[in-house]
Amino acid sequence: MNKPNRDTAGVIAPPPLIALATLALGLLLDWLLPAFVLTVLLPPTERIVIGIVLIAAGVALAIAGERAFRRIGTEVKPWKPSLKLATGGIYAWVRNPMYVGLALFVGGLGIALASDWTPVMLVPAALAMHFGVVKREERYLEGKFGDAFRAYMQAVPRYGWPL
């Protein structure tokens, strides 16, 4: 009988799945309970421009994060073992660029599509990501990399802003 691999963070779900569920739930709620707030507040051109800027920023962050992981030879998927600690490139500025990128992407898509509920659904999604993915990864990485990860946590903000 195979023992489960304990060398993982034990995240609640793959982060892209959380983002997809957020978008799907937002669009479903738009259909069930339309609010039309974004449609009233922002003309279509402005909404699309803001959405595209957020989507592009999100994609750029996610790609930079993934490339940094691949460059040092560690696993991108958070449900697989981490082989090395990423601290260079985009990771010198933000500890979770792929997750921030996902949030920007989903928020931008919601704004571009005038989906009022999608940005609202980002709040519970962000909480799920924070407690179900990020905090679990931090415990795992601290246990695996010890002082090196603790020093990194002190030097680099979790989501790119010093809170």
C-alpha atoms as a PDB file:
ATOM      1  CA  MET A   1       0.000   0.000   0.000  1.00  0.00           C
ATOM      2  CA  ASN A   2       1.379   3.425  -0.956  1.00  0.00           C
ATOM      3  CA  LYS A   3       1.645   6.067   1.746  1.00  0.00           C
ATOM      4  CA  PRO A   4       0.415   9.548   0.753  1.00  0.00           C
ATOM      5  CA  ASN A   5       3.189  12.055   0.076  1.00  0.00           C
ATOM      6  CA  ARG A   6       3.489  14.282   3.143  1.00  0.00           C
ATOM      7  CA  ASP A   7       6.012  16.592   1.435  1.00  0.00           C
ATOM      8  CA  THR A   8       3.350  19.010   0.199  1.00  0.00           C
ATOM      9  CA  ALA A   9       1.588  22.105   1.503  1.00  0.00           C
ATOM     10  CA  GLY A  10      -1.820  20.409   1.599  1.00  0.00           C
ATOM     11  CA  VAL A  11      -3.658  23.209  -0.222  1.00  0.00           C
ATOM     12  CA  ILE A  12      -7.465  23.011  -0.267  1.00  0.00           C
ATOM     13  CA  ALA A  13      -7.705  23.181  -4.071  1.00  0.00           C
ATOM     14  CA  PRO A  14      -5.594  24.093  -7.085  1.00  0.00           C
ATOM     15  CA  PRO A  15      -5.515  27.928  -7.235  1.00  0.00           C
ATOM     16  CA  PRO A  16      -6.605  28.053 -10.912  1.00  0.00           C
ATOM     17  CA  LEU A  17      -9.679  26.031  -9.915  1.00  0.00           C
ATOM     18  CA  ILE A  18     -10.488  28.571  -7.183  1.00  0.00           C
ATOM     19  CA  ALA A  19     -10.177  31.366  -9.767  1.00  0.00           C
ATOM     20  CA  LEU A  20     -12.371  29.510 -12.258  1.00  0.00           C
ATOM     21  CA  ALA A  21     -15.015  28.837  -9.590  1.00  0.00           C
ATOM     22  CA  THR A  22     -14.953  32.543  -8.667  1.00  0.00           C
ATOM     23  CA  LEU A  23     -15.553  33.588 -12.256  1.00  0.00           C
ATOM     24  CA  ALA A  24     -18.260  30.955 -12.801  1.00  0.00           C
ATOM     25  CA  LEU A  25     -20.061  31.900  -9.588  1.00  0.00           C
ATOM     26  CA  GLY A  26     -19.826  35.610 -10.430  1.00  0.00           C
ATOM     27  CA  LEU A  27     -21.299  35.062 -13.890  1.00  0.00           C
ATOM     28  CA  LEU A  28     -24.035  32.805 -12.502  1.00  0.00           C
ATOM     29  CA  LEU A  29     -24.999  35.444  -9.934  1.00  0.00           C
ATOM     30  CA  ASP A  30     -25.031  38.082 -12.700  1.00  0.00           C
ATOM     31  CA  TRP A  31     -27.567  35.955 -14.532  1.00  0.00           C
ATOM     32  CA  LEU A  32     -29.677  35.269 -11.408  1.00  0.00           C
ATOM     33  CA  LEU A  33     -29.405  38.687  -9.722  1.00  0.00           C
ATOM     34  CA  PRO A  34     -28.247  41.300 -12.241  1.00  0.00           C
ATOM     35  CA  ALA A  35     -27.064  44.536 -10.631  1.00  0.00           C
ATOM     36  CA  PHE A  36     -25.815  46.623 -13.613  1.00  0.00           C
ATOM     37  CA  VAL A  37     -23.514  48.688 -11.359  1.00  0.00           C
ATOM     38  CA  LEU A  38     -20.470  48.482 -13.627  1.00  0.00           C
ATOM     39  CA  THR A  39     -22.616  49.177 -16.673  1.00  0.00           C
ATOM     40  CA  VAL A  40     -23.956  52.365 -15.070  1.00  0.00           C
ATOM     41  CA  LEU A  41     -20.659  53.546 -13.552  1.00  0.00           C
ATOM     42  CA  LEU A  42     -18.311  52.884 -16.472  1.00  0.00           C
ATOM     43  CA  PRO A  43     -18.834  53.327 -20.197  1.00  0.00           C
ATOM     44  CA  PRO A  44     -17.978  50.197 -22.217  1.00  0.00           C
ATOM     45  CA  THR A  45     -14.670  51.549 -23.541  1.00  0.00           C
ATOM     46  CA  GLU A  46     -13.389  52.477 -20.072  1.00  0.00           C
ATOM     47  CA  ARG A  47     -14.565  49.170 -18.622  1.00  0.00           C
ATOM     48  CA  ILE A  48     -12.772  47.221 -21.350  1.00  0.00           C
ATOM     49  CA  VAL A  49      -9.561  49.261 -21.023  1.00  0.00           C
ATOM     50  CA  ILE A  50      -9.483  48.829 -17.228  1.00  0.00           C
ATOM     51  CA  GLY A  51     -10.232  45.133 -17.641  1.00  0.00           C
ATOM     52  CA  ILE A  52      -7.496  44.630 -20.226  1.00  0.00           C
ATOM     53  CA  VAL A  53      -4.930  46.461 -18.065  1.00  0.00           C
ATOM     54  CA  LEU A  54      -5.794  44.284 -15.046  1.00  0.00           C
ATOM     55  CA  ILE A  55      -5.801  41.104 -17.139  1.00  0.00           C
ATOM     56  CA  ALA A  56      -2.417  41.974 -18.678  1.00  0.00           C
ATOM     57  CA  ALA A  57      -0.919  42.778 -15.259  1.00  0.00           C
ATOM     58  CA  GLY A  58      -2.268  39.509 -13.876  1.00  0.00           C
ATOM     59  CA  VAL A  59      -0.922  37.446 -16.750  1.00  0.00           C
ATOM     60  CA  ALA A  60       2.478  39.183 -16.511  1.00  0.00           C
ATOM     61  CA  LEU A  61       2.756  38.454 -12.778  1.00  0.00           C
ATOM     62  CA  ALA A  62       1.697  34.839 -13.178  1.00  0.00           C
ATOM     63  CA  ILE A  63       4.103  34.214 -16.055  1.00  0.00           C
ATOM     64  CA  ALA A  64       6.987  35.880 -14.200  1.00  0.00           C
ATOM     65  CA  GLY A  65       6.283  33.716 -11.158  1.00  0.00           C
ATOM     66  CA  GLU A  66       6.059  30.507 -13.146  1.00  0.00           C
ATOM     67  CA  ARG A  67       9.242  31.284 -15.101  1.00  0.00           C
ATOM     68  CA  ALA A  68      11.142  31.993 -11.880  1.00  0.00           C
ATOM     69  CA  PHE A  69      10.071  28.595 -10.493  1.00  0.00           C
ATOM     70  CA  ARG A  70      11.076  26.802 -13.672  1.00  0.00           C
ATOM     71  CA  ARG A  71      14.400  28.674 -13.831  1.00  0.00           C
ATOM     72  CA  ILE A  72      15.470  27.404 -10.397  1.00  0.00           C
ATOM     73  CA  GLY A  73      14.024  23.935 -10.986  1.00  0.00           C
ATOM     74  CA  THR A  74      11.214  23.788  -8.460  1.00  0.00           C
ATOM     75  CA  GLU A  75       7.634  22.626  -8.817  1.00  0.00           C
ATOM     76  CA  VAL A  76       4.983  25.152  -9.913  1.00  0.00           C
ATOM     77  CA  LYS A  77       2.014  23.125  -8.654  1.00  0.00           C
ATOM     78  CA  PRO A  78       1.433  23.794  -4.931  1.00  0.00           C
ATOM     79  CA  TRP A  79       0.186  20.256  -4.334  1.00  0.00           C
ATOM     80  CA  LYS A  80       3.606  18.856  -5.315  1.00  0.00           C
ATOM     81  CA  PRO A  81       6.809  18.974  -3.222  1.00  0.00           C
ATOM     82  CA  SER A  82       8.809  22.224  -3.322  1.00  0.00           C
ATOM     83  CA  LEU A  83      12.386  21.482  -4.303  1.00  0.00           C
ATOM     84  CA  LYS A  84      13.929  24.936  -3.867  1.00  0.00           C
ATOM     85  CA  LEU A  85      13.001  28.292  -2.391  1.00  0.00           C
ATOM     86  CA  ALA A  86      12.339  30.987  -5.009  1.00  0.00           C
ATOM     87  CA  THR A  87      13.644  34.363  -3.799  1.00  0.00           C
ATOM     88  CA  GLY A  88      14.899  36.055  -6.974  1.00  0.00           C
ATOM     89  CA  GLY A  89      13.227  37.773  -9.904  1.00  0.00           C
ATOM     90  CA  ILE A  90       9.609  38.694  -9.186  1.00  0.00           C
ATOM     91  CA  TYR A  91       9.899  36.801  -5.877  1.00  0.00           C
ATOM     92  CA  ALA A  92      12.242  39.524  -4.609  1.00  0.00           C
ATOM     93  CA  TRP A  93       9.224  41.874  -4.677  1.00  0.00           C
ATOM     94  CA  VAL A  94       6.199  39.688  -3.928  1.00  0.00           C
ATOM     95  CA  ARG A  95       5.994  36.248  -2.316  1.00  0.00           C
ATOM     96  CA  ASN A  96       2.871  35.148  -4.202  1.00  0.00           C
ATOM     97  CA  PRO A  97       2.926  36.689  -7.691  1.00  0.00           C
ATOM     98  CA  MET A  98       0.961  33.884  -9.325  1.00  0.00           C
ATOM     99  CA  TYR A  99      -1.911  34.255  -6.842  1.00  0.00           C
ATOM    100  CA  VAL A 100      -1.954  38.042  -7.103  1.00  0.00           C
ATOM    101  CA  GLY A 101      -1.902  37.564 -10.880  1.00  0.00           C
ATOM    102  CA  LEU A 102      -4.881  35.214 -10.748  1.00  0.00           C
ATOM    103  CA  ALA A 103      -6.868  37.739  -8.697  1.00  0.00           C
ATOM    104  CA  LEU A 104      -6.019  40.582 -11.087  1.00  0.00           C
ATOM    105  CA  PHE A 105      -6.932  38.409 -14.072  1.00  0.00           C
ATOM    106  CA  VAL A 106     -10.328  37.395 -12.638  1.00  0.00           C
ATOM    107  CA  GLY A 107     -11.089  40.944 -11.476  1.00  0.00           C
ATOM    108  CA  GLY A 108     -10.112  42.379 -14.842  1.00  0.00           C
ATOM    109  CA  LEU A 109     -12.222  39.853 -16.693  1.00  0.00           C
ATOM    110  CA  GLY A 110     -15.159  40.643 -14.426  1.00  0.00           C
ATOM    111  CA  ILE A 111     -14.832  44.371 -15.070  1.00  0.00           C
ATOM    112  CA  ALA A 112     -14.379  43.936 -18.832  1.00  0.00           C
ATOM    113  CA  LEU A 113     -17.488  41.740 -18.990  1.00  0.00           C
ATOM    114  CA  ALA A 114     -19.473  44.110 -16.716  1.00  0.00           C
ATOM    115  CA  SER A 115     -19.913  41.228 -14.286  1.00  0.00           C
ATOM    116  CA  ASP A 116     -20.782  42.998 -11.038  1.00  0.00           C
ATOM    117  CA  TRP A 117     -20.685  39.820  -8.998  1.00  0.00           C
ATOM    118  CA  THR A 118     -17.258  38.607 -10.130  1.00  0.00           C
ATOM    119  CA  PRO A 119     -15.283  41.309  -8.247  1.00  0.00           C
ATOM    120  CA  VAL A 120     -17.575  40.744  -5.247  1.00  0.00           C
ATOM    121  CA  MET A 121     -16.831  36.996  -5.353  1.00  0.00           C
ATOM    122  CA  LEU A 122     -13.118  37.822  -5.295  1.00  0.00           C
ATOM    123  CA  VAL A 123     -13.476  38.626  -1.574  1.00  0.00           C
ATOM    124  CA  PRO A 124     -14.421  35.086  -0.457  1.00  0.00           C
ATOM    125  CA  ALA A 125     -12.037  33.680  -3.070  1.00  0.00           C
ATOM    126  CA  ALA A 126      -9.183  35.774  -1.643  1.00  0.00           C
ATOM    127  CA  LEU A 127     -10.003  34.509   1.850  1.00  0.00           C
ATOM    128  CA  ALA A 128     -10.049  30.917   0.583  1.00  0.00           C
ATOM    129  CA  MET A 129      -6.712  31.469  -1.156  1.00  0.00           C
ATOM    130  CA  HIS A 130      -5.180  33.143   1.893  1.00  0.00           C
ATOM    131  CA  PHE A 131      -6.231  30.559   4.468  1.00  0.00           C
ATOM    132  CA  GLY A 132      -6.564  27.463   2.292  1.00  0.00           C
ATOM    133  CA  VAL A 133      -3.505  27.907   0.083  1.00  0.00           C
ATOM    134  CA  VAL A 134      -1.069  30.674   1.123  1.00  0.00           C
ATOM    135  CA  LYS A 135      -1.035  30.066   4.896  1.00  0.00           C
ATOM    136  CA  ARG A 136      -0.685  26.319   4.341  1.00  0.00           C
ATOM    137  CA  GLU A 137       2.174  26.889   1.902  1.00  0.00           C
ATOM    138  CA  GLU A 138       3.883  29.190   4.385  1.00  0.00           C
ATOM    139  CA  ARG A 139       3.702  26.573   7.164  1.00  0.00           C
ATOM    140  CA  TYR A 140       5.021  23.945   4.770  1.00  0.00           C
ATOM    141  CA  LEU A 141       7.869  26.121   3.440  1.00  0.00           C
ATOM    142  CA  GLU A 142       8.869  27.228   6.940  1.00  0.00           C
ATOM    143  CA  GLY A 143       9.018  23.594   8.018  1.00  0.00           C
ATOM    144  CA  LYS A 144      11.005  22.606   4.944  1.00  0.00           C
ATOM    145  CA  PHE A 145      13.374  25.586   4.531  1.00  0.00           C
ATOM    146  CA  GLY A 146      13.464  26.916   8.126  1.00  0.00           C
ATOM    147  CA  ASP A 147      15.485  30.080   8.742  1.00  0.00           C
ATOM    148  CA  ALA A 148      15.921  30.788   5.030  1.00  0.00           C
ATOM    149  CA  PHE A 149      12.153  31.017   4.565  1.00  0.00           C
ATOM    150  CA  ARG A 150      11.644  33.000   7.776  1.00  0.00           C
ATOM    151  CA  ALA A 151      14.228  35.560   6.596  1.00  0.00           C
ATOM    152  CA  TYR A 152      12.519  35.699   3.191  1.00  0.00           C
ATOM    153  CA  MET A 153       9.129  36.285   4.837  1.00  0.00           C
ATOM    154  CA  GLN A 154      10.605  39.204   6.786  1.00  0.00           C
ATOM    155  CA  ALA A 155      12.140  40.760   3.665  1.00  0.00           C
ATOM    156  CA  VAL A 156       9.389  40.357   1.043  1.00  0.00           C
ATOM    157  CA  PRO A 157       5.682  41.199   1.429  1.00  0.00           C
ATOM    158  CA  ARG A 158       3.210  38.385   0.923  1.00  0.00           C
ATOM    159  CA  TYR A 159       1.086  40.099  -1.733  1.00  0.00           C
ATOM    160  CA  GLY A 160       3.383  42.906  -2.845  1.00  0.00           C
ATOM    161  CA  TRP A 161       2.347  45.560  -0.358  1.00  0.00           C
ATOM    162  CA  PRO A 162       3.843  45.845   3.125  1.00  0.00           C
ATOM    163  CA  LEU A 163       1.008  44.757   5.444  1.00  0.00           C
END
